[in-house]
Amino acid sequence: MDIKQQINDYVIGTFDIEADEDFTADVNLFDYGYVDSLDAMTILSYLEGNFGIEISQRDLMLYPMNTINELAAVVEKKLSEKD
């Protein structure tokens, strides 16, 4: 399973997102009310634990992490830095 799919499945399962045509990999999770700021910490903790990466305060400032695609891009970047 690819990174984007893993994140998508986690977000849907953890935050009980039901079938919704607005929910795509490009939808802003915050603007559409799927998650809030406390949920963001849960997502970051999942990303760090599941993928073995560290997301720093600097990363939070540099990279948008509002959509599934943006989250996956950050994970892929951090994993590539480990190689």
PDB file of N, CA and C in Angstrom:
ATOM      1  N   MET A   1       0.854  -1.180   0.000  1.00  0.00           N
ATOM      2  CA  MET A   1       0.000   0.000   0.000  1.00  0.00           C
ATOM      3  C   MET A   1       0.902   1.246   0.000  1.00  0.00           C
ATOM      4  N   ASP A   2       0.570   2.196  -0.846  1.00  0.00           N
ATOM      5  CA  ASP A   2       1.418   3.379  -0.921  1.00  0.00           C
ATOM      6  C   ASP A   2       1.145   4.334   0.237  1.00  0.00           C
ATOM      7  N   ILE A   3       2.030   5.300   0.387  1.00  0.00           N
ATOM      8  CA  ILE A   3       1.981   6.227   1.511  1.00  0.00           C
ATOM      9  C   ILE A   3       0.666   7.000   1.534  1.00  0.00           C
ATOM     10  N   LYS A   4       0.284   7.523   0.384  1.00  0.00           N
ATOM     11  CA  LYS A   4      -0.950   8.320   0.322  1.00  0.00           C
ATOM     12  C   LYS A   4      -2.157   7.493   0.755  1.00  0.00           C
ATOM     13  N   GLN A   5      -2.220   6.250   0.321  1.00  0.00           N
ATOM     14  CA  GLN A   5      -3.349   5.388   0.675  1.00  0.00           C
ATOM     15  C   GLN A   5      -3.351   5.071   2.170  1.00  0.00           C
ATOM     16  N   GLN A   6      -2.165   4.844   2.732  1.00  0.00           N
ATOM     17  CA  GLN A   6      -2.070   4.568   4.171  1.00  0.00           C
ATOM     18  C   GLN A   6      -2.579   5.760   4.983  1.00  0.00           C
ATOM     19  N   ILE A   7      -2.166   6.963   4.575  1.00  0.00           N
ATOM     20  CA  ILE A   7      -2.599   8.170   5.287  1.00  0.00           C
ATOM     21  C   ILE A   7      -4.100   8.365   5.118  1.00  0.00           C
ATOM     22  N   ASN A   8      -4.574   8.193   3.906  1.00  0.00           N
ATOM     23  CA  ASN A   8      -6.007   8.319   3.629  1.00  0.00           C
ATOM     24  C   ASN A   8      -6.821   7.363   4.505  1.00  0.00           C
ATOM     25  N   ASP A   9      -6.416   6.107   4.538  1.00  0.00           N
ATOM     26  CA  ASP A   9      -7.127   5.106   5.337  1.00  0.00           C
ATOM     27  C   ASP A   9      -7.094   5.453   6.822  1.00  0.00           C
ATOM     28  N   TYR A  10      -5.942   5.938   7.287  1.00  0.00           N
ATOM     29  CA  TYR A  10      -5.818   6.323   8.697  1.00  0.00           C
ATOM     30  C   TYR A  10      -6.769   7.467   9.033  1.00  0.00           C
ATOM     31  N   VAL A  11      -6.774   8.499   8.216  1.00  0.00           N
ATOM     32  CA  VAL A  11      -7.618   9.670   8.482  1.00  0.00           C
ATOM     33  C   VAL A  11      -9.097   9.280   8.460  1.00  0.00           C
ATOM     34  N   ILE A  12      -9.497   8.526   7.467  1.00  0.00           N
ATOM     35  CA  ILE A  12     -10.901   8.094   7.379  1.00  0.00           C
ATOM     36  C   ILE A  12     -11.291   7.261   8.595  1.00  0.00           C
ATOM     37  N   GLY A  13     -10.448   6.310   8.954  1.00  0.00           N
ATOM     38  CA  GLY A  13     -10.763   5.424  10.073  1.00  0.00           C
ATOM     39  C   GLY A  13     -10.708   6.102  11.425  1.00  0.00           C
ATOM     40  N   THR A  14      -9.723   6.942  11.627  1.00  0.00           N
ATOM     41  CA  THR A  14      -9.531   7.579  12.932  1.00  0.00           C
ATOM     42  C   THR A  14     -10.572   8.647  13.209  1.00  0.00           C
ATOM     43  N   PHE A  15     -10.961   9.378  12.179  1.00  0.00           N
ATOM     44  CA  PHE A  15     -11.867  10.507  12.384  1.00  0.00           C
ATOM     45  C   PHE A  15     -13.278  10.223  11.866  1.00  0.00           C
ATOM     46  N   ASP A  16     -13.566   8.952  11.658  1.00  0.00           N
ATOM     47  CA  ASP A  16     -14.918   8.496  11.283  1.00  0.00           C
ATOM     48  C   ASP A  16     -15.525   9.290  10.125  1.00  0.00           C
ATOM     49  N   ILE A  17     -14.751   9.424   9.066  1.00  0.00           N
ATOM     50  CA  ILE A  17     -15.228  10.137   7.886  1.00  0.00           C
ATOM     51  C   ILE A  17     -16.006   9.154   7.027  1.00  0.00           C
ATOM     52  N   GLU A  18     -17.278   9.443   6.864  1.00  0.00           N
ATOM     53  CA  GLU A  18     -18.136   8.573   6.073  1.00  0.00           C
ATOM     54  C   GLU A  18     -18.010   8.926   4.603  1.00  0.00           C
ATOM     55  N   ALA A  19     -18.531   8.066   3.745  1.00  0.00           N
ATOM     56  CA  ALA A  19     -18.480   8.305   2.301  1.00  0.00           C
ATOM     57  C   ALA A  19     -18.973   9.713   2.005  1.00  0.00           C
ATOM     58  N   ASP A  20     -18.137  10.469   1.326  1.00  0.00           N
ATOM     59  CA  ASP A  20     -18.425  11.872   1.066  1.00  0.00           C
ATOM     60  C   ASP A  20     -17.734  12.255  -0.229  1.00  0.00           C
ATOM     61  N   GLU A  21     -18.489  12.736  -1.199  1.00  0.00           N
ATOM     62  CA  GLU A  21     -17.896  13.077  -2.494  1.00  0.00           C
ATOM     63  C   GLU A  21     -16.914  14.236  -2.388  1.00  0.00           C
ATOM     64  N   ASP A  22     -17.007  15.054  -1.343  1.00  0.00           N
ATOM     65  CA  ASP A  22     -16.060  16.152  -1.154  1.00  0.00           C
ATOM     66  C   ASP A  22     -14.720  15.679  -0.619  1.00  0.00           C
ATOM     67  N   PHE A  23     -14.692  14.502  -0.011  1.00  0.00           N
ATOM     68  CA  PHE A  23     -13.452  14.012   0.580  1.00  0.00           C
ATOM     69  C   PHE A  23     -12.580  13.381  -0.497  1.00  0.00           C
ATOM     70  N   THR A  24     -11.519  14.103  -0.860  1.00  0.00           N
ATOM     71  CA  THR A  24     -10.538  13.623  -1.833  1.00  0.00           C
ATOM     72  C   THR A  24      -9.157  13.847  -1.256  1.00  0.00           C
ATOM     73  N   ALA A  25      -8.150  13.399  -1.972  1.00  0.00           N
ATOM     74  CA  ALA A  25      -6.769  13.580  -1.521  1.00  0.00           C
ATOM     75  C   ALA A  25      -6.336  15.042  -1.572  1.00  0.00           C
ATOM     76  N   ASP A  26      -7.119  15.880  -2.254  1.00  0.00           N
ATOM     77  CA  ASP A  26      -6.766  17.295  -2.377  1.00  0.00           C
ATOM     78  C   ASP A  26      -7.632  18.229  -1.529  1.00  0.00           C
ATOM     79  N   VAL A  27      -8.597  17.686  -0.801  1.00  0.00           N
ATOM     80  CA  VAL A  27      -9.459  18.548   0.000  1.00  0.00           C
ATOM     81  C   VAL A  27      -8.708  19.018   1.246  1.00  0.00           C
ATOM     82  N   ASN A  28      -8.900  20.290   1.601  1.00  0.00           N
ATOM     83  CA  ASN A  28      -8.293  20.814   2.818  1.00  0.00           C
ATOM     84  C   ASN A  28      -9.048  20.226   4.009  1.00  0.00           C
ATOM     85  N   LEU A  29      -8.364  19.388   4.759  1.00  0.00           N
ATOM     86  CA  LEU A  29      -8.984  18.666   5.866  1.00  0.00           C
ATOM     87  C   LEU A  29      -9.520  19.601   6.944  1.00  0.00           C
ATOM     88  N   PHE A  30      -8.878  20.750   7.106  1.00  0.00           N
ATOM     89  CA  PHE A  30      -9.269  21.706   8.139  1.00  0.00           C
ATOM     90  C   PHE A  30     -10.415  22.592   7.667  1.00  0.00           C
ATOM     91  N   ASP A  31     -10.281  23.123   6.460  1.00  0.00           N
ATOM     92  CA  ASP A  31     -11.314  24.026   5.933  1.00  0.00           C
ATOM     93  C   ASP A  31     -12.666  23.330   5.784  1.00  0.00           C
ATOM     94  N   TYR A  32     -12.633  22.042   5.460  1.00  0.00           N
ATOM     95  CA  TYR A  32     -13.883  21.307   5.278  1.00  0.00           C
ATOM     96  C   TYR A  32     -14.387  20.667   6.569  1.00  0.00           C
ATOM     97  N   GLY A  33     -13.651  20.866   7.656  1.00  0.00           N
ATOM     98  CA  GLY A  33     -14.111  20.398   8.953  1.00  0.00           C
ATOM     99  C   GLY A  33     -13.909  18.918   9.228  1.00  0.00           C
ATOM    100  N   TYR A  34     -13.076  18.265   8.439  1.00  0.00           N
ATOM    101  CA  TYR A  34     -12.827  16.841   8.688  1.00  0.00           C
ATOM    102  C   TYR A  34     -11.970  16.643   9.936  1.00  0.00           C
ATOM    103  N   VAL A  35     -11.045  17.580  10.173  1.00  0.00           N
ATOM    104  CA  VAL A  35     -10.192  17.519  11.362  1.00  0.00           C
ATOM    105  C   VAL A  35     -10.024  18.931  11.926  1.00  0.00           C
ATOM    106  N   ASP A  36      -9.587  18.989  13.196  1.00  0.00           N
ATOM    107  CA  ASP A  36      -9.284  20.281  13.809  1.00  0.00           C
ATOM    108  C   ASP A  36      -7.825  20.285  14.256  1.00  0.00           C
ATOM    109  N   SER A  37      -7.423  21.332  14.954  1.00  0.00           N
ATOM    110  CA  SER A  37      -6.009  21.468  15.320  1.00  0.00           C
ATOM    111  C   SER A  37      -5.536  20.357  16.259  1.00  0.00           C
ATOM    112  N   LEU A  38      -6.397  19.883  17.137  1.00  0.00           N
ATOM    113  CA  LEU A  38      -6.006  18.768  18.012  1.00  0.00           C
ATOM    114  C   LEU A  38      -5.842  17.483  17.205  1.00  0.00           C
ATOM    115  N   ASP A  39      -6.699  17.306  16.220  1.00  0.00           N
ATOM    116  CA  ASP A  39      -6.576  16.144  15.344  1.00  0.00           C
ATOM    117  C   ASP A  39      -5.270  16.187  14.551  1.00  0.00           C
ATOM    118  N   ALA A  40      -4.817  17.402  14.237  1.00  0.00           N
ATOM    119  CA  ALA A  40      -3.563  17.548  13.495  1.00  0.00           C
ATOM    120  C   ALA A  40      -2.408  16.917  14.272  1.00  0.00           C
ATOM    121  N   MET A  41      -2.412  17.096  15.576  1.00  0.00           N
ATOM    122  CA  MET A  41      -1.351  16.501  16.400  1.00  0.00           C
ATOM    123  C   MET A  41      -1.433  14.977  16.361  1.00  0.00           C
ATOM    124  N   THR A  42      -2.631  14.444  16.337  1.00  0.00           N
ATOM    125  CA  THR A  42      -2.821  13.003  16.227  1.00  0.00           C
ATOM    126  C   THR A  42      -2.278  12.496  14.893  1.00  0.00           C
ATOM    127  N   ILE A  43      -2.553  13.225  13.830  1.00  0.00           N
ATOM    128  CA  ILE A  43      -2.066  12.834  12.503  1.00  0.00           C
ATOM    129  C   ILE A  43      -0.545  12.888  12.464  1.00  0.00           C
ATOM    130  N   LEU A  44       0.051  13.959  12.997  1.00  0.00           N
ATOM    131  CA  LEU A  44       1.511  14.074  12.991  1.00  0.00           C
ATOM    132  C   LEU A  44       2.151  12.948  13.796  1.00  0.00           C
ATOM    133  N   SER A  45       1.563  12.618  14.924  1.00  0.00           N
ATOM    134  CA  SER A  45       2.077  11.518  15.739  1.00  0.00           C
ATOM    135  C   SER A  45       2.013  10.205  14.965  1.00  0.00           C
ATOM    136  N   TYR A  46       0.922   9.975  14.255  1.00  0.00           N
ATOM    137  CA  TYR A  46       0.785   8.782  13.424  1.00  0.00           C
ATOM    138  C   TYR A  46       1.867   8.749  12.347  1.00  0.00           C
ATOM    139  N   LEU A  47       2.063   9.863  11.659  1.00  0.00           N
ATOM    140  CA  LEU A  47       3.060   9.906  10.583  1.00  0.00           C
ATOM    141  C   LEU A  47       4.447   9.593  11.118  1.00  0.00           C
ATOM    142  N   GLU A  48       4.792  10.198  12.243  1.00  0.00           N
ATOM    143  CA  GLU A  48       6.112   9.964  12.817  1.00  0.00           C
ATOM    144  C   GLU A  48       6.286   8.512  13.256  1.00  0.00           C
ATOM    145  N   GLY A  49       5.296   7.968  13.916  1.00  0.00           N
ATOM    146  CA  GLY A  49       5.386   6.598  14.410  1.00  0.00           C
ATOM    147  C   GLY A  49       5.303   5.554  13.318  1.00  0.00           C
ATOM    148  N   ASN A  50       4.393   5.743  12.390  1.00  0.00           N
ATOM    149  CA  ASN A  50       4.168   4.750  11.346  1.00  0.00           C
ATOM    150  C   ASN A  50       5.283   4.726  10.308  1.00  0.00           C
ATOM    151  N   PHE A  51       5.826   5.896   9.986  1.00  0.00           N
ATOM    152  CA  PHE A  51       6.824   5.966   8.920  1.00  0.00           C
ATOM    153  C   PHE A  51       8.244   6.177   9.443  1.00  0.00           C
ATOM    154  N   GLY A  52       8.397   6.290  10.761  1.00  0.00           N
ATOM    155  CA  GLY A  52       9.731   6.433  11.345  1.00  0.00           C
ATOM    156  C   GLY A  52      10.423   7.727  10.958  1.00  0.00           C
ATOM    157  N   ILE A  53       9.665   8.806  10.911  1.00  0.00           N
ATOM    158  CA  ILE A  53      10.223  10.109  10.557  1.00  0.00           C
ATOM    159  C   ILE A  53      10.020  11.068  11.713  1.00  0.00           C
ATOM    160  N   GLU A  54      10.687  12.219  11.616  1.00  0.00           N
ATOM    161  CA  GLU A  54      10.473  13.277  12.599  1.00  0.00           C
ATOM    162  C   GLU A  54      10.041  14.530  11.857  1.00  0.00           C
ATOM    163  N   ILE A  55       8.923  15.082  12.271  1.00  0.00           N
ATOM    164  CA  ILE A  55       8.429  16.322  11.681  1.00  0.00           C
ATOM    165  C   ILE A  55       8.697  17.431  12.683  1.00  0.00           C
ATOM    166  N   SER A  56       9.579  18.337  12.292  1.00  0.00           N
ATOM    167  CA  SER A  56      10.018  19.400  13.194  1.00  0.00           C
ATOM    168  C   SER A  56       9.109  20.621  13.108  1.00  0.00           C
ATOM    169  N   GLN A  57       9.317  21.533  14.037  1.00  0.00           N
ATOM    170  CA  GLN A  57       8.594  22.811  13.989  1.00  0.00           C
ATOM    171  C   GLN A  57       8.906  23.525  12.673  1.00  0.00           C
ATOM    172  N   ARG A  58      10.135  23.403  12.230  1.00  0.00           N
ATOM    173  CA  ARG A  58      10.543  24.032  10.965  1.00  0.00           C
ATOM    174  C   ARG A  58       9.734  23.444   9.804  1.00  0.00           C
ATOM    175  N   ASP A  59       9.570  22.125   9.805  1.00  0.00           N
ATOM    176  CA  ASP A  59       8.767  21.475   8.760  1.00  0.00           C
ATOM    177  C   ASP A  59       7.342  22.027   8.743  1.00  0.00           C
ATOM    178  N   LEU A  60       6.793  22.240   9.932  1.00  0.00           N
ATOM    179  CA  LEU A  60       5.424  22.755  10.026  1.00  0.00           C
ATOM    180  C   LEU A  60       5.303  24.144   9.412  1.00  0.00           C
ATOM    181  N   MET A  61       6.395  24.907   9.480  1.00  0.00           N
ATOM    182  CA  MET A  61       6.394  26.250   8.898  1.00  0.00           C
ATOM    183  C   MET A  61       6.651  26.210   7.385  1.00  0.00           C
ATOM    184  N   LEU A  62       7.485  25.271   6.959  1.00  0.00           N
ATOM    185  CA  LEU A  62       7.916  25.234   5.558  1.00  0.00           C
ATOM    186  C   LEU A  62       6.948  24.544   4.614  1.00  0.00           C
ATOM    187  N   TYR A  63       6.299  23.506   5.095  1.00  0.00           N
ATOM    188  CA  TYR A  63       5.512  22.662   4.201  1.00  0.00           C
ATOM    189  C   TYR A  63       4.036  22.657   4.574  1.00  0.00           C
ATOM    190  N   PRO A  64       3.183  22.917   3.596  1.00  0.00           N
ATOM    191  CA  PRO A  64       1.751  22.811   3.891  1.00  0.00           C
ATOM    192  C   PRO A  64       1.383  21.351   4.157  1.00  0.00           C
ATOM    193  N   MET A  65       0.548  21.129   5.136  1.00  0.00           N
ATOM    194  CA  MET A  65       0.109  19.778   5.488  1.00  0.00           C
ATOM    195  C   MET A  65      -1.382  19.793   5.765  1.00  0.00           C
ATOM    196  N   ASN A  66      -2.129  20.270   4.780  1.00  0.00           N
ATOM    197  CA  ASN A  66      -3.566  20.426   4.939  1.00  0.00           C
ATOM    198  C   ASN A  66      -4.381  19.375   4.202  1.00  0.00           C
ATOM    199  N   THR A  67      -3.749  18.663   3.294  1.00  0.00           N
ATOM    200  CA  THR A  67      -4.451  17.659   2.495  1.00  0.00           C
ATOM    201  C   THR A  67      -3.729  16.322   2.600  1.00  0.00           C
ATOM    202  N   ILE A  68      -4.379  15.270   2.177  1.00  0.00           N
ATOM    203  CA  ILE A  68      -3.739  13.950   2.149  1.00  0.00           C
ATOM    204  C   ILE A  68      -2.511  14.007   1.246  1.00  0.00           C
ATOM    205  N   ASN A  69      -2.637  14.636   0.075  1.00  0.00           N
ATOM    206  CA  ASN A  69      -1.505  14.735  -0.847  1.00  0.00           C
ATOM    207  C   ASN A  69      -0.336  15.492  -0.237  1.00  0.00           C
ATOM    208  N   GLU A  70      -0.619  16.581   0.466  1.00  0.00           N
ATOM    209  CA  GLU A  70       0.455  17.349   1.098  1.00  0.00           C
ATOM    210  C   GLU A  70       1.119  16.548   2.214  1.00  0.00           C
ATOM    211  N   LEU A  71       0.328  15.840   3.001  1.00  0.00           N
ATOM    212  CA  LEU A  71       0.897  15.002   4.053  1.00  0.00           C
ATOM    213  C   LEU A  71       1.792  13.920   3.456  1.00  0.00           C
ATOM    214  N   ALA A  72       1.324  13.277   2.399  1.00  0.00           N
ATOM    215  CA  ALA A  72       2.108  12.225   1.745  1.00  0.00           C
ATOM    216  C   ALA A  72       3.398  12.785   1.176  1.00  0.00           C
ATOM    217  N   ALA A  73       3.351  13.981   0.613  1.00  0.00           N
ATOM    218  CA  ALA A  73       4.559  14.599   0.047  1.00  0.00           C
ATOM    219  C   ALA A  73       5.598  14.860   1.134  1.00  0.00           C
ATOM    220  N   VAL A  74       5.155  15.312   2.294  1.00  0.00           N
ATOM    221  CA  VAL A  74       6.092  15.556   3.401  1.00  0.00           C
ATOM    222  C   VAL A  74       6.702  14.235   3.869  1.00  0.00           C
ATOM    223  N   VAL A  75       5.891  13.207   4.005  1.00  0.00           N
ATOM    224  CA  VAL A  75       6.410  11.900   4.414  1.00  0.00           C
ATOM    225  C   VAL A  75       7.442  11.402   3.402  1.00  0.00           C
ATOM    226  N   GLU A  76       7.124  11.497   2.125  1.00  0.00           N
ATOM    227  CA  GLU A  76       8.056  11.047   1.087  1.00  0.00           C
ATOM    228  C   GLU A  76       9.358  11.838   1.139  1.00  0.00           C
ATOM    229  N   LYS A  77       9.279  13.146   1.367  1.00  0.00           N
ATOM    230  CA  LYS A  77      10.478  13.975   1.464  1.00  0.00           C
ATOM    231  C   LYS A  77      11.322  13.556   2.662  1.00  0.00           C
ATOM    232  N   LYS A  78      10.670  13.368   3.795  1.00  0.00           N
ATOM    233  CA  LYS A  78      11.418  12.981   5.005  1.00  0.00           C
ATOM    234  C   LYS A  78      12.055  11.595   4.843  1.00  0.00           C
ATOM    235  N   LEU A  79      11.335  10.681   4.219  1.00  0.00           N
ATOM    236  CA  LEU A  79      11.904   9.342   3.985  1.00  0.00           C
ATOM    237  C   LEU A  79      13.094   9.401   3.031  1.00  0.00           C
ATOM    238  N   SER A  80      13.026  10.263   2.023  1.00  0.00           N
ATOM    239  CA  SER A  80      14.135  10.380   1.074  1.00  0.00           C
ATOM    240  C   SER A  80      15.372  10.982   1.741  1.00  0.00           C
ATOM    241  N   GLU A  81      15.165  11.816   2.739  1.00  0.00           N
ATOM    242  CA  GLU A  81      16.285  12.410   3.473  1.00  0.00           C
ATOM    243  C   GLU A  81      16.997  11.379   4.348  1.00  0.00           C
ATOM    244  N   LYS A  82      16.289  10.308   4.713  1.00  0.00           N
ATOM    245  CA  LYS A  82      16.872   9.263   5.554  1.00  0.00           C
ATOM    246  C   LYS A  82      17.807   8.362   4.753  1.00  0.00           C
ATOM    247  N   ASP A  83      17.598   8.290   3.424  1.00  0.00           N
ATOM    248  CA  ASP A  83      18.396   7.384   2.587  1.00  0.00           C
ATOM    249  C   ASP A  83      19.804   7.891   2.372  1.00  0.00           C
TER     250      ASP A  83
END
